[in-house]
Amino acid sequence: MNDYVYVGKIINTHGIKGELKVLSDFIDKEKVLLPDKVIYIGTNKIKEVIKTHRIHQNYDLITLENYININEVLKYKGLSIYVKRNTLDRKYFLNDLIGMNVIDNNITYGKIIDYYNFNGNIVLLVNGKKQFFIPYNKEYINNVDLLKKEVICNHVKDLIL
C-alpha cells in the first residue's frame, strides 16, 4: 500500500489572500483539512501546513502557513492533496479497494475498478462479465482482506442486471 492517501484536488484559488479551493470526497476530510495539519501537495509531495479551513458551497477552502496572497499559491492550482497514511486511524481507504477481487460464496464476480460518492452514498464499480455497482455498506460488504486483495460480499448476484 502507498504511504500517502489522496484527499482531494486543488481546483482553483479563491479571493486574493491565498485561499485554495479544494474538491474532496475523502471520507475523513473533516479530520484532515484542519488548521495545523500537515498535507502534501502534488506528485513531489511538497509538505505544507494548513493555516485556516472553511467550507464554501460544496468546496473546502484552505490557506497555508507562510502564504498571504494569490500569487504565492497559484503554483498549486490543479494539484492533488495527500496525507500520510500513518497519521490516520483507518485500516484502509476506498482507493485501496481498487483492483481487489469481489467474492461472494467463493465465486469471484470481478474486480473493483472505481468508486463514486452520490450525495454521501458510496458505490463500488465492479468490472466482471458485466459491470455493476455494489453499495459500500454492511449489507453488501462483509469483509475486506487487504492481504488477499479480496472484498468479501453478500448478495452480489442480486446486483447484476
Protein backbone atom coordinates (compact mmCIF):
# COMPACT_ATOMS: atom_id res chain seq x y z
CA MET A 1 0.00 0.00 0.00
CA ASN A 2 1.03 3.54 -0.65
CA ASP A 3 2.41 5.67 2.21
CA TYR A 4 0.23 8.58 1.08
CA VAL A 5 -3.56 8.79 0.80
CA TYR A 6 -5.31 11.03 -1.72
CA VAL A 7 -7.52 13.65 -0.03
CA GLY A 8 -8.63 15.88 -2.89
CA LYS A 9 -7.63 18.28 -5.63
CA ILE A 10 -6.91 21.99 -5.59
CA ILE A 11 -9.18 23.18 -8.37
CA ASN A 12 -8.69 26.90 -8.08
CA THR A 13 -7.80 29.83 -5.88
CA HIS A 14 -10.41 31.87 -4.02
CA GLY A 15 -10.02 35.58 -3.43
CA ILE A 16 -6.69 37.43 -3.31
CA LYS A 17 -5.42 36.34 0.12
CA GLY A 18 -4.08 32.93 -0.93
CA GLU A 19 -7.09 30.74 -0.25
CA LEU A 20 -7.21 27.46 -2.18
CA LYS A 21 -10.44 25.85 -3.37
CA VAL A 22 -10.34 22.09 -2.73
CA LEU A 23 -12.67 19.49 -4.20
CA SER A 24 -12.74 16.44 -1.95
CA ASP A 25 -14.97 13.46 -1.27
CA PHE A 26 -12.43 11.97 1.15
CA ILE A 27 -14.28 10.02 3.81
CA ASP A 28 -12.38 11.61 6.74
CA LYS A 29 -11.73 15.08 5.35
CA GLU A 30 -13.12 16.77 8.47
CA LYS A 31 -10.22 15.18 10.38
CA VAL A 32 -7.58 16.11 7.82
CA LEU A 33 -8.38 19.57 6.44
CA LEU A 34 -7.86 21.35 9.74
CA PRO A 35 -5.56 24.13 10.93
CA ASP A 36 -2.08 22.90 11.91
CA LYS A 37 -2.47 19.63 9.96
CA VAL A 38 0.30 18.65 7.56
CA ILE A 39 -0.62 17.94 3.94
CA TYR A 40 1.46 17.01 0.91
CA ILE A 41 0.79 18.63 -2.46
CA GLY A 42 1.43 17.30 -5.96
CA THR A 43 3.39 14.32 -7.21
CA ASN A 44 6.52 15.65 -5.48
CA LYS A 45 4.61 15.63 -2.16
CA ILE A 46 5.53 19.18 -1.14
CA LYS A 47 4.97 19.44 2.60
CA GLU A 48 2.68 22.27 3.73
CA VAL A 49 0.75 23.12 6.89
CA ILE A 50 -2.87 24.25 6.81
CA LYS A 51 -3.40 27.65 8.42
CA THR A 52 -7.19 28.03 8.03
CA HIS A 53 -10.12 25.98 6.78
CA ARG A 54 -13.69 26.82 5.97
CA ILE A 55 -16.46 25.42 3.82
CA HIS A 56 -17.94 27.45 0.98
CA GLN A 57 -20.75 25.91 -1.08
CA ASN A 58 -19.54 22.34 -1.85
CA TYR A 59 -15.85 23.14 -1.52
CA ASP A 60 -13.26 23.25 1.21
CA LEU A 61 -11.27 26.48 1.30
CA ILE A 62 -7.87 26.36 2.95
CA THR A 63 -4.95 28.70 3.43
CA LEU A 64 -1.41 27.52 4.02
CA GLU A 65 1.10 28.79 6.53
CA ASN A 66 3.58 31.34 5.15
CA TYR A 67 1.42 32.30 2.15
CA ILE A 68 -0.57 35.54 2.19
CA ASN A 69 -1.61 36.24 -1.40
CA ILE A 70 -2.91 34.59 -4.52
CA ASN A 71 0.34 34.90 -6.47
CA GLU A 72 2.18 32.69 -3.98
CA VAL A 73 -0.27 29.79 -4.20
CA LEU A 74 -1.05 29.77 -7.94
CA LYS A 75 1.65 27.09 -8.34
CA TYR A 76 -0.64 24.62 -6.50
CA LYS A 77 -3.67 25.08 -8.77
CA GLY A 78 -4.65 21.74 -10.32
CA LEU A 79 -2.53 19.63 -7.97
CA SER A 80 -3.65 16.82 -5.69
CA ILE A 81 -3.51 16.86 -1.89
CA TYR A 82 -2.30 13.88 0.13
CA VAL A 83 -1.76 12.98 3.78
CA LYS A 84 0.48 10.31 5.24
CA ARG A 85 -1.39 7.07 5.81
CA ASN A 86 0.18 6.53 9.25
CA THR A 87 -1.40 9.75 10.56
CA LEU A 88 -4.90 8.36 10.02
CA ASP A 89 -6.80 5.84 12.13
CA ARG A 90 -8.28 3.70 9.35
CA LYS A 91 -7.15 0.27 8.21
CA TYR A 92 -8.00 1.01 4.58
CA PHE A 93 -9.48 3.64 2.31
CA LEU A 94 -11.70 3.46 -0.74
CA ASN A 95 -8.68 3.92 -3.04
CA ASP A 96 -7.19 0.75 -1.53
CA LEU A 97 -10.17 -1.30 -2.79
CA ILE A 98 -9.44 -0.55 -6.45
CA GLY A 99 -8.04 -3.68 -8.08
CA MET A 100 -9.42 -6.05 -5.42
CA ASN A 101 -11.49 -9.10 -6.33
CA VAL A 102 -15.17 -9.21 -5.35
CA ILE A 103 -16.01 -12.59 -3.79
CA ASP A 104 -19.44 -13.94 -2.80
CA ASN A 105 -19.90 -17.60 -1.74
CA ASN A 106 -16.40 -18.43 -3.07
CA ILE A 107 -17.32 -17.09 -6.52
CA THR A 108 -15.26 -14.24 -8.00
CA TYR A 109 -17.53 -11.73 -9.72
CA GLY A 110 -14.86 -9.29 -10.92
CA LYS A 111 -12.52 -6.53 -9.79
CA ILE A 112 -13.31 -3.16 -8.29
CA ILE A 113 -12.26 -0.53 -10.80
CA ASP A 114 -13.58 2.68 -9.23
CA TYR A 115 -15.89 4.16 -6.63
CA TYR A 116 -18.39 7.02 -6.66
CA ASN A 117 -19.98 9.17 -3.99
CA PHE A 118 -23.59 10.05 -4.76
CA ASN A 119 -24.68 12.52 -2.08
CA GLY A 120 -22.98 10.53 0.68
CA ASN A 121 -23.92 7.11 -0.73
CA ILE A 122 -20.76 5.37 -1.85
CA VAL A 123 -20.88 2.66 -4.50
CA LEU A 124 -18.08 0.48 -5.87
CA LEU A 125 -17.89 -0.13 -9.63
CA VAL A 126 -17.06 -3.76 -10.39
CA ASN A 127 -15.83 -5.00 -13.77
CA GLY A 128 -16.62 -8.65 -14.40
CA LYS A 129 -18.63 -10.42 -17.07
CA LYS A 130 -20.85 -7.36 -16.69
CA GLN A 131 -20.15 -4.06 -14.97
CA PHE A 132 -22.22 -3.42 -11.86
CA PHE A 133 -22.27 -1.38 -8.67
CA ILE A 134 -22.08 -2.57 -5.07
CA PRO A 135 -23.28 -0.23 -2.32
CA TYR A 136 -20.49 0.36 0.18
CA ASN A 137 -22.36 -0.68 3.32
CA LYS A 138 -22.57 -3.56 5.81
CA GLU A 139 -25.48 -5.19 3.99
CA TYR A 140 -23.29 -5.95 0.97
CA ILE A 141 -19.68 -5.66 2.19
CA ASN A 142 -18.89 -8.39 4.67
CA ASN A 143 -15.10 -8.12 4.98
CA VAL A 144 -12.06 -6.60 3.31
CA ASP A 145 -8.94 -8.77 3.21
CA LEU A 146 -6.02 -6.49 2.43
CA LEU A 147 -3.50 -9.35 2.20
CA LYS A 148 -5.52 -11.45 -0.26
CA LYS A 149 -6.80 -8.31 -2.02
CA GLU A 150 -10.39 -9.51 -1.72
CA VAL A 151 -13.66 -7.87 -0.79
CA ILE A 152 -15.99 -10.50 0.65
CA CYS A 153 -19.59 -9.60 -0.17
CA ASN A 154 -23.18 -10.73 0.29
CA HIS A 155 -25.98 -10.80 -2.31
CA VAL A 156 -23.76 -9.80 -5.26
CA LYS A 157 -25.84 -11.86 -7.70
CA ASP A 158 -28.86 -9.69 -6.86
CA LEU A 159 -26.99 -6.58 -8.07
CA ILE A 160 -26.09 -7.82 -11.56
CA LEU A 161 -28.65 -6.92 -14.21
